[in-house]
Every structure is written in C-alpha cells, then in structure tokens.
Amino acid sequence: MIGLLLVNLGTPDAPDAGAVRRYLAQFLADRRVIELPAILWRPILHGIVLRTRPRRSAKAYREVWRDEGSPLAAITAATARGVADAFGPDVVVDHAMRYGRPAIADRLAGLMKAGCDRILLAPLYPQYCAATSASAADAAFAALAGMRHQPALRVLPPYHDDPAYIAALAARVRAQIAALDFAPQAILASFHGMPERTRIAGDPYHDQCVETARLLGQALGRRLEISFQSRFGRARWLGPATDSMLRELPGRGITSLAVVTPGFAADCLETLEEIAIRGRESFLAAGGRDFACLLCLNDSPEALEMLRSILGRELEGWVARP
C-alpha cells in the first residue's frame, strides 16, 4: 500500500484565546519559523506574545470560523477527499497539519498501520520556504526517527512554476473576475511575507513568488502587482508590504482592485480576515472604490485537477499514472 499525506500549515482547534495560545505556542516555538536564538526569543514568546496575541487573534478567527470549524482545516480535509480515489485502491490519502491537529506524526503512524510502506508527503506550499516546506519535512523525518520499521518517504517539491499550477490559478482568477460587477484596473498578487534575512541566507521563496506572479500575469495577459503580507515583529520583511500597497494604490489612480493570494492553497485567516476584511477596509478608506479578494484554489475542480497531475507525477514508479 502507498500513502499520500497532504500537509498544510495548521490552525487552532477553536476560535478562543486558549486554543489560539496552544497553537501559537507550537507554531512560534519552531526554530524554522523564528530564527532567533532561543535564549532571546523564549522570554519574548512567553512573556509578551503569548500573553497578548491570542486574544486578538481569537477575535479575528471568530470572524471567519465556519460551522465545520476552521476554514483551513475544512478545506484541506475536503481537498484530501477530492483526490482520495484519483490514484487507485492501493493509495491511501490522508491529511495533516504541521501545527495543531491532525499532527503529521499521528497521520504517518496511521498510514503505516493501514499497511503503507511507501508514503508521499505533500506539503501544500507552491513556493518553497524553509519556514513552511522544510518545517513540514522536519516533522515527518522526526516522526520517522522514532520508528523501527520506517516507510520509504518522498516529499513533493515546490510547484511554483508548474504549468498545471499556473493553469489552475489562471482559470480560477479568470472565472472570479468575470463574475465581479466591476472590472479591476489592477490585480495584486499578495504572498505571505518572510523576514528579509531569510532571503539573504539563501531561501528561494522570494524569487519563486516573483516567478509565480510573472507566469500568472503572462497567462492572464496582464502584469500583476506583487506584495507580501502578514508582517510580524520589528525585523525588515520582504516588500513591498501588502498593507502599505493597499493604502497607496488609490493615490496612484487604482481605485478598482482584485487581490489574489497564490501562495495559499486554501483560504485561511490570512486571506479571509487579513485581506478580505482588513485589506478591504484599508483600500476603501484610502480612496478605493471597488475591491475583491479572490478565493484561493481551495478544493475547486481546478485545484483537484492540478493536484492529480503533480501528485501523479511524484507517485510514478510506485503507481501507474491514471
């Protein structure tokens, strides 16, 4: 048997301060995420961040929470169900979160229990970043380190420039723009930000984001603006910053805007609250007239077709292509 484990970043179990605190304590303790010496970061994390941020973040989560729970968790689970039968009866499909539940270690153990001796780990991060892609692999390898009987493991590489990914993005953007009641003067591609020092250290994330935006713009036949969101802390981050761009664009004559978030496989707090709610408020307050935050690929038909393509390629040699 072969296992296919889709992995996303993670989410609190509930939109309350306690659950958010537990989630952030795990997330922000990851040395891949916060690359400061522990002796400097731990007092800040436990003395300031975990005392103040959970309540604010819980309020934001409540604004986007669904009946079935966190949007990220619900969409990732639906995506796993959407490709469950794509590769035949010998492939068992599951999903996990790097932080929170279901945990990568638990789901790897579950796949092993189901008889899977070969597993494809598929982090749903189109652009490679040490804080996301490498961290997911770290968690998987750490789980394997505790196993006497280990499965063979493959890891899905970044797919930022894969034709199937670009085609899926372009089709999704075209359909959503066609459904708007206005014609956007510009499209802004907003990616999650990272500290500038990670780029200097050799992380390819920035360049892969730029390439995704270039290829998507090429497919759409128009140039995209690009920015980076979700700044945290005092360090210099990749720019230009999305929040600054949204305040500046109306002054440049761009009053009708669509924002696409190609770095997120599924809608989450950063897209549904940070962009669709707070970003809209900032843009309109600055003089904007029309604003749309386009949905991510999520578990759309375009997304599932794309995943069948890139996952099928990575499973070659283990299973026949469908």
Protein backbone atom coordinates (compact mmCIF):
# COMPACT_ATOMS: atom_id res chain seq x y z
CA MET A 1 0.00 0.00 0.00
CA ILE A 2 1.05 3.57 -0.69
CA GLY A 3 0.21 6.57 1.49
CA LEU A 4 -0.38 10.13 0.30
CA LEU A 5 -0.32 12.71 3.08
CA LEU A 6 -1.41 16.25 2.21
CA VAL A 7 0.05 18.76 4.68
CA ASN A 8 -0.99 22.32 5.43
CA LEU A 9 0.25 24.81 8.00
CA GLY A 10 -2.27 24.39 10.79
CA THR A 11 -4.97 26.10 12.77
CA PRO A 12 -6.32 26.37 16.32
CA ASP A 13 -8.97 23.86 17.37
CA ALA A 14 -11.37 26.66 18.29
CA PRO A 15 -11.66 30.46 17.89
CA ASP A 16 -10.92 31.20 21.53
CA ALA A 17 -7.88 32.56 23.31
CA GLY A 18 -6.91 29.25 24.94
CA ALA A 19 -6.89 27.29 21.70
CA VAL A 20 -5.08 30.06 19.86
CA ARG A 21 -2.47 30.24 22.63
CA ARG A 22 -1.77 26.50 22.34
CA TYR A 23 -1.49 26.79 18.57
CA LEU A 24 0.80 29.82 18.65
CA ALA A 25 2.98 28.26 21.35
CA GLN A 26 3.73 25.37 18.98
CA PHE A 27 3.96 27.45 15.82
CA LEU A 28 6.17 30.22 17.18
CA ALA A 29 8.46 27.80 19.01
CA ASP A 30 9.54 26.27 15.70
CA ARG A 31 13.13 27.31 15.00
CA ARG A 32 12.33 27.26 11.29
CA VAL A 33 9.70 29.95 11.86
CA ILE A 34 11.53 32.16 14.35
CA GLU A 35 15.25 32.01 13.64
CA LEU A 36 16.34 33.87 16.75
CA PRO A 37 18.43 32.22 19.48
CA ALA A 38 16.11 30.53 21.96
CA ILE A 39 17.66 32.43 24.86
CA LEU A 40 16.46 35.66 23.24
CA TRP A 41 13.13 34.50 21.82
CA ARG A 42 11.65 32.44 24.66
CA PRO A 43 11.24 35.37 27.09
CA ILE A 44 9.57 37.38 24.33
CA LEU A 45 7.32 34.50 23.28
CA HIS A 46 6.17 33.53 26.78
CA GLY A 47 6.44 36.94 28.42
CA ILE A 48 4.78 39.08 25.76
CA VAL A 49 3.50 37.34 22.62
CA LEU A 50 1.51 34.51 24.22
CA ARG A 51 0.02 36.92 26.76
CA THR A 52 -1.25 39.47 24.25
CA ARG A 53 -1.65 37.99 20.79
CA PRO A 54 -4.05 35.04 21.44
CA ARG A 55 -6.97 37.27 22.42
CA ARG A 56 -6.57 39.47 19.32
CA SER A 57 -6.10 36.50 17.02
CA ALA A 58 -9.09 34.69 18.52
CA LYS A 59 -11.29 37.65 17.64
CA ALA A 60 -10.02 37.51 14.05
CA TYR A 61 -10.62 33.75 13.86
CA ARG A 62 -14.20 34.20 15.05
CA GLU A 63 -14.86 36.44 12.06
CA VAL A 64 -14.04 33.66 9.59
CA TRP A 65 -14.92 30.49 11.54
CA ARG A 66 -17.40 28.12 9.90
CA ASP A 67 -19.93 25.66 11.22
CA GLU A 68 -17.49 22.86 10.29
CA GLY A 69 -14.62 24.67 12.03
CA SER A 70 -11.55 26.45 10.75
CA PRO A 71 -11.72 27.23 7.02
CA LEU A 72 -8.16 25.96 6.52
CA ALA A 73 -8.91 22.66 8.24
CA ALA A 74 -12.23 22.15 6.45
CA ILE A 75 -10.82 22.96 3.00
CA THR A 76 -7.71 20.80 3.47
CA ALA A 77 -9.86 17.85 4.54
CA ALA A 78 -12.14 18.40 1.54
CA THR A 79 -9.11 18.51 -0.76
CA ALA A 80 -7.91 15.17 0.59
CA ARG A 81 -11.35 13.70 -0.04
CA GLY A 82 -11.31 15.19 -3.52
CA VAL A 83 -8.22 13.25 -4.57
CA ALA A 84 -8.90 10.15 -2.47
CA ASP A 85 -9.87 7.99 -5.46
CA ALA A 86 -7.57 9.57 -8.02
CA PHE A 87 -4.74 7.04 -7.89
CA GLY A 88 -6.46 3.71 -7.42
CA PRO A 89 -7.31 1.43 -4.50
CA ASP A 90 -3.70 0.91 -3.44
CA VAL A 91 -3.20 4.58 -2.48
CA VAL A 92 -4.49 5.74 0.90
CA VAL A 93 -5.00 9.53 1.08
CA ASP A 94 -4.97 11.47 4.34
CA HIS A 95 -4.17 14.99 5.52
CA ALA A 96 -2.29 16.55 8.42
CA MET A 97 -1.28 19.90 9.85
CA ARG A 98 2.24 20.98 10.70
CA TYR A 99 0.92 22.68 13.83
CA GLY A 100 -2.20 21.58 15.65
CA ARG A 101 -4.27 18.57 14.67
CA PRO A 102 -4.22 16.15 12.97
CA ALA A 103 -0.47 16.03 13.55
CA ILE A 104 1.96 14.78 10.92
CA ALA A 105 3.42 12.15 13.24
CA ASP A 106 -0.04 10.78 14.08
CA ARG A 107 -1.13 10.54 10.45
CA LEU A 108 2.14 8.93 9.35
CA ALA A 109 1.59 6.33 12.06
CA GLY A 110 -1.97 5.88 10.83
CA LEU A 111 -0.81 5.29 7.26
CA MET A 112 1.75 2.77 8.48
CA LYS A 113 -0.97 0.99 10.46
CA ALA A 114 -3.06 0.88 7.26
CA GLY A 115 -0.24 -1.05 5.60
CA CYS A 116 1.51 1.77 3.72
CA ASP A 117 5.21 1.09 3.33
CA ARG A 118 5.72 3.95 0.85
CA ILE A 119 4.47 7.46 1.59
CA LEU A 120 4.41 10.67 -0.42
CA LEU A 121 4.46 13.71 1.86
CA ALA A 122 2.81 16.58 0.01
CA PRO A 123 3.23 20.00 1.67
CA LEU A 124 0.65 22.25 0.01
CA TYR A 125 3.07 25.16 -0.34
CA PRO A 126 3.60 26.10 -4.00
CA GLN A 127 6.67 28.20 -3.20
CA TYR A 128 9.48 26.66 -1.16
CA CYS A 129 10.21 28.31 2.16
CA ALA A 130 12.28 26.86 4.98
CA ALA A 131 9.65 28.04 7.48
CA THR A 132 6.93 26.00 5.75
CA SER A 133 8.19 23.34 3.33
CA ALA A 134 11.31 22.40 5.29
CA SER A 135 9.46 22.51 8.60
CA ALA A 136 6.89 20.00 7.32
CA ALA A 137 9.70 17.69 6.20
CA ASP A 138 11.43 18.16 9.58
CA ALA A 139 8.30 16.98 11.38
CA ALA A 140 7.98 13.94 9.11
CA PHE A 141 11.63 12.96 9.47
CA ALA A 142 11.44 13.44 13.24
CA ALA A 143 8.50 11.02 13.33
CA LEU A 144 10.39 8.50 11.23
CA ALA A 145 13.39 8.80 13.55
CA GLY A 146 11.30 7.15 16.27
CA MET A 147 10.19 4.23 14.08
CA ARG A 148 11.98 0.92 13.94
CA HIS A 149 10.11 -0.03 10.74
CA GLN A 150 10.24 3.06 8.55
CA PRO A 151 8.36 3.59 5.30
CA ALA A 152 10.04 4.84 2.17
CA LEU A 153 9.34 8.58 2.03
CA ARG A 154 9.10 11.02 -0.86
CA VAL A 155 8.46 14.75 -0.50
CA LEU A 156 6.55 16.82 -3.04
CA PRO A 157 8.86 19.56 -4.36
CA PRO A 158 7.70 23.17 -4.77
CA TYR A 159 5.43 23.68 -7.75
CA HIS A 160 5.51 27.48 -8.08
CA ASP A 161 6.15 27.35 -11.83
CA ASP A 162 4.44 24.10 -12.72
CA PRO A 163 2.26 24.57 -15.83
CA ALA A 164 -0.61 22.72 -14.16
CA TYR A 165 -0.49 25.06 -11.15
CA ILE A 166 -0.30 28.21 -13.26
CA ALA A 167 -3.14 26.99 -15.47
CA ALA A 168 -5.31 26.26 -12.43
CA LEU A 169 -4.60 29.68 -10.94
CA ALA A 170 -5.32 31.45 -14.21
CA ALA A 171 -8.61 29.61 -14.74
CA ARG A 172 -9.70 30.35 -11.16
CA VAL A 173 -8.80 34.05 -11.45
CA ARG A 174 -10.50 34.46 -14.82
CA ALA A 175 -13.73 32.89 -13.59
CA GLN A 176 -13.88 35.02 -10.45
CA ILE A 177 -13.07 38.27 -12.23
CA ALA A 178 -15.73 37.54 -14.84
CA ALA A 179 -18.26 37.20 -12.02
CA LEU A 180 -17.44 40.59 -10.48
CA ASP A 181 -19.71 43.59 -11.02
CA PHE A 182 -16.68 45.75 -11.83
CA ALA A 183 -13.56 45.46 -13.99
CA PRO A 184 -10.45 45.72 -11.80
CA GLN A 185 -7.88 48.21 -13.00
CA ALA A 186 -5.16 46.11 -11.38
CA ILE A 187 -4.61 42.67 -9.88
CA LEU A 188 -2.43 42.47 -6.78
CA ALA A 189 -0.73 39.15 -6.01
CA SER A 190 -0.21 39.06 -2.24
CA PHE A 191 2.09 36.40 -0.79
CA HIS A 192 2.82 35.64 2.84
CA GLY A 193 5.82 37.63 3.97
CA MET A 194 9.13 36.46 5.43
CA PRO A 195 11.95 38.39 7.09
CA GLU A 196 14.40 39.82 4.55
CA ARG A 197 17.24 37.98 6.30
CA THR A 198 15.84 34.64 5.10
CA ARG A 199 16.32 35.77 1.50
CA ILE A 200 19.86 36.87 2.24
CA ALA A 201 20.52 33.49 3.87
CA GLY A 202 19.58 31.72 0.63
CA ASP A 203 15.88 30.95 0.95
CA PRO A 204 14.43 30.85 -2.64
CA TYR A 205 10.94 31.85 -1.50
CA HIS A 206 11.00 35.47 -2.71
CA ASP A 207 12.23 34.59 -6.18
CA GLN A 208 9.70 31.77 -6.53
CA CYS A 209 6.86 34.14 -5.53
CA VAL A 210 8.00 36.65 -8.14
CA GLU A 211 8.14 33.90 -10.77
CA THR A 212 4.64 32.69 -9.90
CA ALA A 213 3.29 36.23 -10.27
CA ARG A 214 5.12 36.68 -13.58
CA LEU A 215 3.80 33.41 -15.02
CA LEU A 216 0.27 34.05 -13.76
CA GLY A 217 0.33 37.52 -15.28
CA GLN A 218 1.58 36.04 -18.54
CA ALA A 219 -1.25 33.51 -18.54
CA LEU A 220 -3.80 36.25 -17.84
CA GLY A 221 -2.32 38.61 -20.39
CA ARG A 222 -1.70 41.40 -17.90
CA ARG A 223 1.02 42.43 -15.48
CA LEU A 224 0.35 41.76 -11.79
CA GLU A 225 1.41 43.93 -8.88
CA ILE A 226 3.15 41.91 -6.16
CA SER A 227 3.35 42.38 -2.40
CA PHE A 228 3.97 40.47 0.85
CA GLN A 229 1.62 40.39 3.82
CA SER A 230 1.46 39.36 7.50
CA ARG A 231 4.49 41.22 8.84
CA PHE A 232 5.37 40.31 12.41
CA GLY A 233 7.94 41.84 14.75
CA ARG A 234 10.47 44.60 14.14
CA ALA A 235 12.76 42.92 11.60
CA ARG A 236 12.80 44.09 8.00
CA TRP A 237 10.49 41.90 5.90
CA LEU A 238 10.16 41.21 2.20
CA GLY A 239 8.48 44.07 0.41
CA PRO A 240 6.56 45.87 -0.74
CA ALA A 241 4.15 45.28 2.12
CA THR A 242 0.56 44.45 1.20
CA ASP A 243 -0.97 46.75 3.81
CA SER A 244 1.10 49.66 2.51
CA MET A 245 0.23 48.85 -1.10
CA LEU A 246 -3.49 48.84 -0.34
CA ARG A 247 -3.22 52.30 1.18
CA GLU A 248 -1.05 53.64 -1.65
CA LEU A 249 -2.78 52.29 -4.77
CA PRO A 250 -5.76 54.71 -4.72
CA GLY A 251 -3.30 57.59 -4.70
CA ARG A 252 -1.81 56.16 -7.88
CA GLY A 253 -5.20 56.18 -9.56
CA ILE A 254 -6.02 52.50 -8.91
CA THR A 255 -9.48 52.59 -7.36
CA SER A 256 -10.76 49.20 -8.59
CA LEU A 257 -8.67 46.27 -7.37
CA ALA A 258 -8.71 42.47 -7.22
CA VAL A 259 -6.33 40.69 -4.86
CA VAL A 260 -5.20 37.12 -5.49
CA THR A 261 -3.20 35.10 -2.95
CA PRO A 262 -1.30 32.45 -4.96
CA GLY A 263 0.89 31.30 -2.09
CA PHE A 264 -2.05 29.91 -0.12
CA ALA A 265 -3.51 26.60 -1.23
CA ALA A 266 -6.59 27.15 0.92
CA ASP A 267 -8.38 30.17 2.29
CA CYS A 268 -7.47 30.88 5.89
CA LEU A 269 -7.17 33.69 8.41
CA GLU A 270 -4.57 35.48 6.27
CA THR A 271 -6.85 35.63 3.23
CA LEU A 272 -10.35 35.78 4.69
CA GLU A 273 -9.66 38.21 7.52
CA GLU A 274 -6.38 39.99 6.79
CA ILE A 275 -7.12 40.66 3.12
CA ALA A 276 -10.86 40.26 2.52
CA ILE A 277 -11.88 42.22 5.64
CA ARG A 278 -8.98 44.38 6.90
CA GLY A 279 -7.44 44.87 3.48
CA ARG A 280 -10.76 45.97 2.03
CA GLU A 281 -11.22 48.48 4.84
CA SER A 282 -7.74 49.94 4.25
CA PHE A 283 -8.20 50.20 0.49
CA LEU A 284 -11.62 51.86 0.68
CA ALA A 285 -10.52 54.22 3.46
CA ALA A 286 -7.63 55.33 1.25
CA GLY A 287 -10.00 56.28 -1.56
CA GLY A 288 -10.55 52.98 -3.33
CA ARG A 289 -13.95 52.30 -4.85
CA ASP A 290 -14.17 48.61 -5.79
CA PHE A 291 -12.33 45.76 -4.05
CA ALA A 292 -12.40 41.98 -4.35
CA CYS A 293 -10.32 39.36 -2.58
CA LEU A 294 -10.41 36.34 -4.89
CA LEU A 295 -10.75 32.89 -3.39
CA CYS A 296 -7.77 30.54 -3.28
CA LEU A 297 -7.69 27.34 -5.31
CA ASN A 298 -9.19 25.52 -2.30
CA ASP A 299 -10.86 22.22 -3.29
CA SER A 300 -12.14 23.62 -6.59
CA PRO A 301 -12.24 21.43 -9.70
CA GLU A 302 -9.20 23.34 -10.99
CA ALA A 303 -7.28 22.59 -7.81
CA LEU A 304 -8.15 18.90 -7.79
CA GLU A 305 -7.18 18.52 -11.43
CA MET A 306 -3.86 20.24 -10.74
CA LEU A 307 -3.15 18.05 -7.72
CA ARG A 308 -3.93 14.88 -9.64
CA SER A 309 -1.34 15.99 -12.19
CA ILE A 310 1.53 16.95 -9.89
CA LEU A 311 0.91 14.22 -7.32
CA GLY A 312 0.56 11.60 -10.02
CA ARG A 313 3.94 12.62 -11.37
CA GLU A 314 5.56 12.25 -7.95
CA LEU A 315 3.95 8.83 -7.46
CA GLU A 316 5.40 7.49 -10.70
CA GLY A 317 7.25 4.25 -10.19
CA TRP A 318 5.00 3.46 -7.24
CA VAL A 319 1.69 3.58 -9.08
CA ALA A 320 0.72 3.79 -12.75
CA ARG A 321 -0.40 7.22 -13.96
CA PRO A 322 -4.21 7.45 -14.15
